[in-house]
Amino acid sequence: MPDEGKPSAKREKKVHKREKKQRTGRKHESKKAWEMYEVSGSEVKRKKPFCPRCGPGAFLSVHKNRKYCGKCGYTEIQKKPAEPGEEKAGS
């Protein structure tokens, strides 16, 4: 029987009572290059705008109400267009 204090002593494997939890939710996938560019003939057009701080190569992610750069944190908030029936309360 091996001595408990020595590093060469082996211990029994732990027996777990329940199985591992299954992760739920969506799995994040990286953007594919063909989703960011549009090719028409011999011309290549970028679908998303570049970050004005980082320059070409860093795209702005487009959300419902803003554009965001994941590299530097630059944010452009898009204003909602005013509806014709609504007027400002102050004027």
Foldseek 3Di string as FASTA:
>chain_A
DDDPPDPVDDDDDDDDDDDDDDDDDDDDDDDDPPVQWDDDDPDIDGPFDADPVVPPPFGWCDDDFWTATPPPTDIDGHDDDDDPVDDDPVD
